[in-house]
Amino acid sequence: MNMTDQILDVDLLAFEKGSDSTRRAVVDGVRRSLATGFVYTSTDISEDLLDSAYGMLVEFFSKDQETKTSCIAPGAHGQTGYTGLLVETAASSDKPDWKEMLNWASPIAAGHPLKRKFPGSYPEQLLPDAVVPGISQVLYAFHDAIAEIQKRFLRIIALGIGCHESFFDDMVTDGPTLTRAIRYPSMKGAPQGGHIWAGAHGDINLITALPRATAPGLQVEVDGQWVDAIPPDGKMIINTGIMLERLTNGVLPVGWHRVIASPGFDDERYSVVQFCHPRPWTMLAPVPTCCTPENPQRYSTISAADALDEVLYQINLIEDARRVGD
C-alpha cells in the first residue's frame, strides 16, 4: 500500500444517514485512518460560505503591514487578532515559521463561568471590520459551521474508541475552539536561515479541520516518512491533536505534520484551519476503554487549560515569555 493511501476518505454524511452496517464501516475507516493522525471526509458545508470567507481573508492579508499590525490583540497569545510573520515557532524548532495569521473564535456571554474562570482562553474578539467591512459576520458564520462539523465528526471517533457517540458533545460545548486563517508568503521573500512555512508539529487540541487550501504544501508523517496530504476535491482534512492522544491513551496518536512549499513553487498559499478544543476545565484522563493489559495507562491526568498553556509557550505565542527571541 502506498503510504498516502493509508489516509482514508470517509463519509460523515453516510454515517449520519446510513444503515447500521454503513455506520460501522465509517467508524472502522476513521479508526484505521487515524492511525496516521489524518483522515479525509465529506461535509455539507456551503461552498459559497467558503468562497466568501477565503475572499475576504485574501483582501485582509493584501493590506499594507501597518494596517495588519493595527489588528494585533495585545496579550491574547495568538488567540484572536493578527499574528505577524516569524512569530509562531514549532515546538520542535528554533526557526520561526514563515507565515502570518488571523485568529478568531465564537464569543461567549460575559458572565459565563468559563469566561470568568479562564479569561485567557476567551479573549475579547478582534476582527478587522474597519479594514474589510462585514468580515466578522462571514468569519463567525464560517467558524460556527466548521465547529458543528467537528462536533459531528467526534461522534464517529467516540464510537471508535468504545464510548457512547455523545462522549465529546458536552466536552466541546462552549469550548475555546479557535479558527486560524494563515497566509504563507512566497518563499522568495523568506529570510535566510532555514525558515519554512510551518515546522513539524502536532496540534494541542482534540481534532483540527482544514476545509480548503489554495495550494499544496501540507505534509504528514507516516511511518517515519513525510508524505503529501492531498484530499479529494471538496473533502475536508481532519487530524488528531495531543489532547485526543492523551484521552485515548495513545490509541489515536497525534497527527504530526508540516507545511513546505513545493520545489519551484514561488506563489503564496492560503489555508484556514480550526482547532477543536474541549472546555478548559476538562480533565484529560485516558478513557477506560483505551486502557488494557496490552496498552496500560501511559498518561497522567492534566487539565485542558494547563495543557494549552504549556503548548502556547512552546510555540512562542506568549508575548512576555518568548521561547525564541525576535
Protein backbone atom coordinates (compact mmCIF):
# COMPACT_ATOMS: atom_id res chain seq x y z
CA MET A 1 0.00 0.00 0.00
CA ASN A 2 1.22 3.49 -0.86
CA MET A 3 1.70 5.46 2.35
CA THR A 4 -0.63 8.22 1.17
CA ASP A 5 -3.31 5.53 0.68
CA GLN A 6 -3.31 4.96 4.43
CA ILE A 7 -5.17 8.27 4.80
CA LEU A 8 -8.71 7.16 4.01
CA ASP A 9 -11.63 9.10 2.55
CA VAL A 10 -14.69 8.55 4.76
CA ASP A 11 -18.26 9.80 4.59
CA LEU A 12 -19.59 11.75 7.58
CA LEU A 13 -22.96 12.14 5.89
CA ALA A 14 -23.29 8.38 5.30
CA PHE A 15 -22.52 7.80 8.97
CA GLU A 16 -25.35 10.14 9.94
CA LYS A 17 -27.92 8.87 7.44
CA GLY A 18 -26.89 5.30 6.68
CA SER A 19 -27.73 1.85 7.98
CA ASP A 20 -26.08 0.25 11.00
CA SER A 21 -23.62 -1.57 8.73
CA THR A 22 -22.76 1.68 6.93
CA ARG A 23 -22.18 3.43 10.25
CA ARG A 24 -19.92 0.62 11.43
CA ALA A 25 -17.93 0.81 8.19
CA VAL A 26 -17.36 4.56 8.62
CA VAL A 27 -16.32 4.12 12.26
CA ASP A 28 -13.89 1.39 11.25
CA GLY A 29 -12.46 3.51 8.43
CA VAL A 30 -11.94 6.50 10.70
CA ARG A 31 -10.29 4.38 13.36
CA ARG A 32 -7.87 2.84 10.82
CA SER A 33 -7.12 6.13 9.06
CA LEU A 34 -6.43 7.99 12.30
CA ALA A 35 -3.57 5.60 12.98
CA THR A 36 -1.78 8.08 10.67
CA GLY A 37 -3.33 11.02 12.54
CA PHE A 38 -5.26 12.07 9.43
CA VAL A 39 -8.50 11.33 7.58
CA TYR A 40 -10.46 12.93 4.71
CA THR A 41 -14.22 13.35 4.95
CA SER A 42 -17.26 14.54 3.08
CA THR A 43 -19.11 17.52 4.56
CA ASP A 44 -22.18 19.57 3.85
CA ILE A 45 -20.54 22.97 4.32
CA SER A 46 -21.58 25.65 1.85
CA GLU A 47 -19.07 26.27 -0.93
CA ASP A 48 -20.42 29.84 -1.13
CA LEU A 49 -19.52 30.36 2.54
CA LEU A 50 -16.01 29.04 1.91
CA ASP A 51 -15.62 31.29 -1.12
CA SER A 52 -16.80 34.35 0.79
CA ALA A 53 -14.59 33.71 3.80
CA TYR A 54 -11.45 33.00 1.79
CA GLY A 55 -12.09 36.01 -0.46
CA MET A 56 -12.39 38.41 2.47
CA LEU A 57 -9.31 36.91 4.14
CA VAL A 58 -7.25 37.41 0.97
CA GLU A 59 -8.46 41.02 0.96
CA PHE A 60 -7.28 41.46 4.58
CA PHE A 61 -3.87 39.88 4.09
CA SER A 62 -3.26 42.01 0.97
CA LYS A 63 -3.32 45.20 3.09
CA ASP A 64 -0.11 47.01 3.99
CA GLN A 65 1.81 45.83 7.05
CA GLU A 66 0.89 48.84 9.19
CA THR A 67 -2.81 48.15 8.65
CA LYS A 68 -2.44 44.49 9.56
CA THR A 69 -0.30 45.27 12.61
CA SER A 70 -3.08 47.55 13.90
CA CYS A 71 -5.18 44.37 14.26
CA ILE A 72 -2.87 42.74 16.82
CA ALA A 73 -4.64 41.99 20.12
CA PRO A 74 -2.03 42.60 22.87
CA GLY A 75 -1.86 39.84 25.47
CA ALA A 76 -4.12 37.48 23.51
CA HIS A 77 -1.30 34.96 22.91
CA GLY A 78 -2.42 34.36 19.34
CA GLN A 79 -5.99 33.51 20.37
CA THR A 80 -7.54 36.42 18.46
CA GLY A 81 -6.48 39.16 16.09
CA TYR A 82 -3.45 39.29 13.82
CA THR A 83 -0.13 37.46 14.31
CA GLY A 84 2.75 38.60 12.12
CA LEU A 85 5.45 36.80 10.20
CA LEU A 86 8.23 34.94 12.02
CA VAL A 87 6.40 34.74 15.37
CA GLU A 88 4.86 31.30 15.82
CA THR A 89 7.57 28.65 16.08
CA ALA A 90 7.06 24.89 16.02
CA ALA A 91 7.93 23.34 19.39
CA SER A 92 10.41 21.11 17.54
CA SER A 93 12.26 24.10 16.05
CA ASP A 94 14.09 27.31 16.86
CA LYS A 95 13.27 28.80 13.45
CA PRO A 96 10.06 30.88 13.43
CA ASP A 97 7.53 29.97 10.73
CA TRP A 98 7.28 31.99 7.51
CA LYS A 99 3.56 32.72 7.85
CA GLU A 100 1.12 35.32 9.13
CA MET A 101 -2.25 34.64 10.70
CA LEU A 102 -5.67 35.99 11.65
CA ASN A 103 -7.30 34.24 14.62
CA TRP A 104 -10.85 34.24 15.94
CA ALA A 105 -13.37 32.28 17.98
CA SER A 106 -17.07 32.42 18.80
CA PRO A 107 -17.67 34.83 21.72
CA ILE A 108 -19.49 33.53 24.79
CA ALA A 109 -21.52 35.52 27.31
CA ALA A 110 -19.51 37.87 29.51
CA GLY A 111 -20.94 36.30 32.67
CA HIS A 112 -20.34 32.69 31.61
CA PRO A 113 -18.36 30.82 34.29
CA LEU A 114 -15.86 29.63 31.68
CA LYS A 115 -15.06 33.20 30.66
CA ARG A 116 -14.82 34.33 34.28
CA LYS A 117 -12.59 31.43 35.30
CA PHE A 118 -10.45 31.25 32.14
CA PRO A 119 -10.31 34.78 30.69
CA GLY A 120 -7.15 33.94 28.73
CA SER A 121 -8.99 31.25 26.81
CA TYR A 122 -11.85 33.61 25.94
CA PRO A 123 -10.30 36.97 24.97
CA GLU A 124 -12.40 39.79 23.59
CA GLN A 125 -12.50 39.14 19.86
CA LEU A 126 -10.67 41.45 17.48
CA LEU A 127 -11.59 41.14 13.81
CA PRO A 128 -10.70 43.69 11.10
CA ASP A 129 -14.14 45.07 10.21
CA ALA A 130 -12.65 48.55 9.88
CA VAL A 131 -10.28 47.16 7.27
CA VAL A 132 -12.64 44.74 5.49
CA PRO A 133 -16.24 45.81 6.20
CA GLY A 134 -18.54 42.93 7.11
CA ILE A 135 -15.76 40.38 7.64
CA SER A 136 -16.84 39.49 11.20
CA GLN A 137 -20.28 38.29 10.15
CA VAL A 138 -18.81 35.99 7.50
CA LEU A 139 -15.97 34.67 9.67
CA TYR A 140 -18.23 33.93 12.64
CA ALA A 141 -20.63 32.04 10.34
CA PHE A 142 -17.65 30.13 8.91
CA HIS A 143 -16.37 29.33 12.43
CA ASP A 144 -19.73 28.04 13.63
CA ALA A 145 -20.24 25.89 10.52
CA ILE A 146 -16.85 24.18 10.84
CA ALA A 147 -17.25 23.76 14.61
CA GLU A 148 -20.54 21.95 14.08
CA ILE A 149 -18.93 19.59 11.56
CA GLN A 150 -16.12 18.83 14.01
CA LYS A 151 -18.62 18.11 16.80
CA ARG A 152 -20.44 15.72 14.48
CA PHE A 153 -17.21 14.02 13.43
CA LEU A 154 -16.21 13.49 17.05
CA ARG A 155 -19.25 11.22 17.39
CA ILE A 156 -17.63 8.81 14.95
CA ILE A 157 -14.39 8.95 16.92
CA ALA A 158 -16.24 8.38 20.20
CA LEU A 159 -17.75 5.14 18.89
CA GLY A 160 -14.36 4.12 17.52
CA ILE A 161 -12.79 4.26 20.99
CA GLY A 162 -15.62 2.35 22.65
CA CYS A 163 -17.50 5.29 24.14
CA HIS A 164 -21.06 6.48 23.59
CA GLU A 165 -21.29 8.68 20.49
CA SER A 166 -22.22 11.68 22.65
CA PHE A 167 -18.99 11.40 24.69
CA PHE A 168 -17.48 14.60 23.26
CA ASP A 169 -20.69 16.64 22.86
CA ASP A 170 -20.68 18.23 26.29
CA MET A 171 -16.89 18.48 26.36
CA VAL A 172 -16.72 20.80 23.35
CA THR A 173 -19.85 22.87 24.01
CA ASP A 174 -18.64 26.46 24.61
CA GLY A 175 -15.05 25.26 24.35
CA PRO A 176 -12.43 27.79 23.16
CA THR A 177 -12.35 26.34 19.65
CA LEU A 178 -10.10 28.56 17.54
CA THR A 179 -10.19 29.31 13.82
CA ARG A 180 -6.98 30.47 12.20
CA ALA A 181 -6.53 31.89 8.72
CA ILE A 182 -2.95 31.50 7.53
CA ARG A 183 -1.15 33.21 4.69
CA TYR A 184 2.11 31.58 3.68
CA PRO A 185 4.02 34.14 1.56
CA SER A 186 6.21 33.18 -1.37
CA MET A 187 9.41 31.60 -0.15
CA LYS A 188 11.30 34.01 -2.45
CA GLY A 189 10.88 36.63 0.27
CA ALA A 190 11.80 34.45 3.24
CA PRO A 191 14.87 35.46 5.26
CA GLN A 192 17.99 33.34 5.18
CA GLY A 193 18.46 30.77 7.91
CA GLY A 194 16.31 27.77 7.15
CA HIS A 195 12.81 29.16 7.71
CA ILE A 196 9.93 27.18 6.19
CA TRP A 197 6.20 27.79 6.02
CA ALA A 198 5.48 25.73 9.15
CA GLY A 199 7.82 23.43 11.04
CA ALA A 200 6.94 19.89 12.07
CA HIS A 201 4.41 19.87 14.89
CA GLY A 202 1.39 18.22 16.45
CA ASP A 203 -1.68 20.30 17.33
CA ILE A 204 -2.58 20.60 21.04
CA ASN A 205 -6.37 20.24 20.69
CA LEU A 206 -8.74 17.29 20.13
CA ILE A 207 -9.06 17.43 16.34
CA THR A 208 -8.29 20.00 13.65
CA ALA A 209 -10.26 20.66 10.45
CA LEU A 210 -8.91 22.07 7.19
CA PRO A 211 -11.73 22.62 4.67
CA ARG A 212 -9.63 24.11 1.87
CA ALA A 213 -6.11 25.18 0.93
CA THR A 214 -5.22 27.21 -2.15
CA ALA A 215 -2.01 25.28 -2.89
CA PRO A 216 -0.27 22.06 -1.87
CA GLY A 217 2.24 22.07 0.94
CA LEU A 218 0.76 20.07 3.82
CA GLN A 219 2.83 17.00 4.58
CA VAL A 220 2.05 14.24 7.06
CA GLU A 221 4.50 11.98 8.86
CA VAL A 222 3.56 8.34 8.24
CA ASP A 223 5.86 5.54 9.36
CA GLY A 224 8.75 7.96 9.74
CA GLN A 225 8.42 9.45 6.25
CA TRP A 226 6.88 12.72 5.05
CA VAL A 227 4.09 12.31 2.51
CA ASP A 228 1.88 14.89 0.83
CA ALA A 229 -1.67 15.19 2.17
CA ILE A 230 -3.84 15.91 -0.87
CA PRO A 231 -7.55 15.33 -0.21
CA PRO A 232 -10.05 14.56 -2.96
CA ASP A 233 -11.82 17.63 -4.33
CA GLY A 234 -14.35 19.07 -1.91
CA LYS A 235 -13.24 16.93 1.02
CA MET A 236 -12.16 18.22 4.42
CA ILE A 237 -8.97 17.12 6.17
CA ILE A 238 -9.30 16.12 9.84
CA ASN A 239 -6.26 15.46 12.01
CA THR A 240 -5.79 14.38 15.60
CA GLY A 241 -4.27 16.53 18.35
CA ILE A 242 -2.31 15.96 21.54
CA MET A 243 -5.41 16.13 23.76
CA LEU A 244 -7.08 13.31 21.83
CA GLU A 245 -3.90 11.25 22.06
CA ARG A 246 -3.98 11.65 25.86
CA LEU A 247 -7.70 10.85 26.13
CA THR A 248 -7.25 7.69 24.03
CA ASN A 249 -4.08 6.59 25.82
CA GLY A 250 -2.19 6.77 22.54
CA VAL A 251 -4.68 4.59 20.62
CA LEU A 252 -5.25 7.59 18.32
CA PRO A 253 -1.81 9.18 18.00
CA VAL A 254 -1.27 12.86 17.30
CA GLY A 255 -1.03 13.68 13.60
CA TRP A 256 2.43 15.12 13.01
CA HIS A 257 2.60 17.49 10.07
CA ARG A 258 4.45 20.39 8.48
CA VAL A 259 3.85 22.84 5.63
CA ILE A 260 6.54 23.17 2.97
CA ALA A 261 6.48 24.93 -0.41
CA SER A 262 6.95 22.53 -3.29
CA PRO A 263 10.25 22.89 -5.16
CA GLY A 264 9.88 25.65 -7.73
CA PHE A 265 6.58 26.92 -6.26
CA ASP A 266 7.03 30.69 -5.84
CA ASP A 267 3.45 31.74 -5.10
CA GLU A 268 1.68 32.22 -1.77
CA ARG A 269 -0.65 29.74 -0.05
CA TYR A 270 -3.78 30.33 1.99
CA SER A 271 -5.47 27.92 4.35
CA VAL A 272 -7.96 28.22 7.18
CA VAL A 273 -7.79 25.66 9.98
CA GLN A 274 -9.96 25.19 13.03
CA PHE A 275 -8.70 23.71 16.29
CA CYS A 276 -11.49 21.97 18.21
CA HIS A 277 -10.86 22.45 21.94
CA PRO A 278 -12.57 20.96 24.98
CA ARG A 279 -13.70 23.31 27.72
CA PRO A 280 -10.65 24.41 29.75
CA TRP A 281 -11.84 22.71 32.93
CA THR A 282 -11.94 19.32 31.16
CA MET A 283 -9.65 16.80 32.85
CA LEU A 284 -7.75 14.92 30.19
CA ALA A 285 -7.56 11.41 31.61
CA PRO A 286 -7.30 8.30 29.41
CA VAL A 287 -10.71 6.71 28.93
CA PRO A 288 -11.05 3.20 30.43
CA THR A 289 -11.87 1.62 27.06
CA CYS A 290 -8.37 2.57 25.82
CA CYS A 291 -6.52 1.17 28.85
CA THR A 292 -5.91 -2.57 28.58
CA PRO A 293 -3.28 -5.07 29.78
CA GLU A 294 -1.72 -4.76 26.30
CA ASN A 295 -1.94 -0.95 26.39
CA PRO A 296 -1.61 0.09 30.06
CA GLN A 297 -2.30 3.70 31.03
CA ARG A 298 0.61 5.83 29.87
CA TYR A 299 -0.63 9.38 30.54
CA SER A 300 -1.36 11.10 33.84
CA THR A 301 -4.31 13.49 34.15
CA ILE A 302 -3.90 17.16 33.22
CA SER A 303 -6.47 19.90 32.71
CA ALA A 304 -7.09 21.13 29.17
CA ALA A 305 -6.23 24.66 30.32
CA ASP A 306 -2.81 23.64 31.66
CA ALA A 307 -2.03 21.55 28.58
CA LEU A 308 -2.83 24.52 26.33
CA ASP A 309 -0.74 26.96 28.39
CA GLU A 310 2.30 24.75 28.09
CA VAL A 311 1.99 24.46 24.32
CA LEU A 312 1.41 28.21 23.82
CA TYR A 313 4.77 28.77 25.49
CA GLN A 314 6.48 26.08 23.43
CA ILE A 315 5.22 27.55 20.15
CA ASN A 316 6.34 31.07 21.07
CA LEU A 317 2.95 32.83 21.38
CA ILE A 318 3.30 34.15 24.95
CA GLU A 319 4.25 37.77 24.32
CA ASP A 320 6.15 38.37 27.56
CA ALA A 321 7.78 34.92 27.69
CA ARG A 322 9.01 34.13 24.20
CA ARG A 323 10.81 30.81 23.93
CA VAL A 324 12.57 32.07 20.78
CA GLY A 325 13.68 35.71 20.70
CA ASP A 326 12.87 38.23 17.99
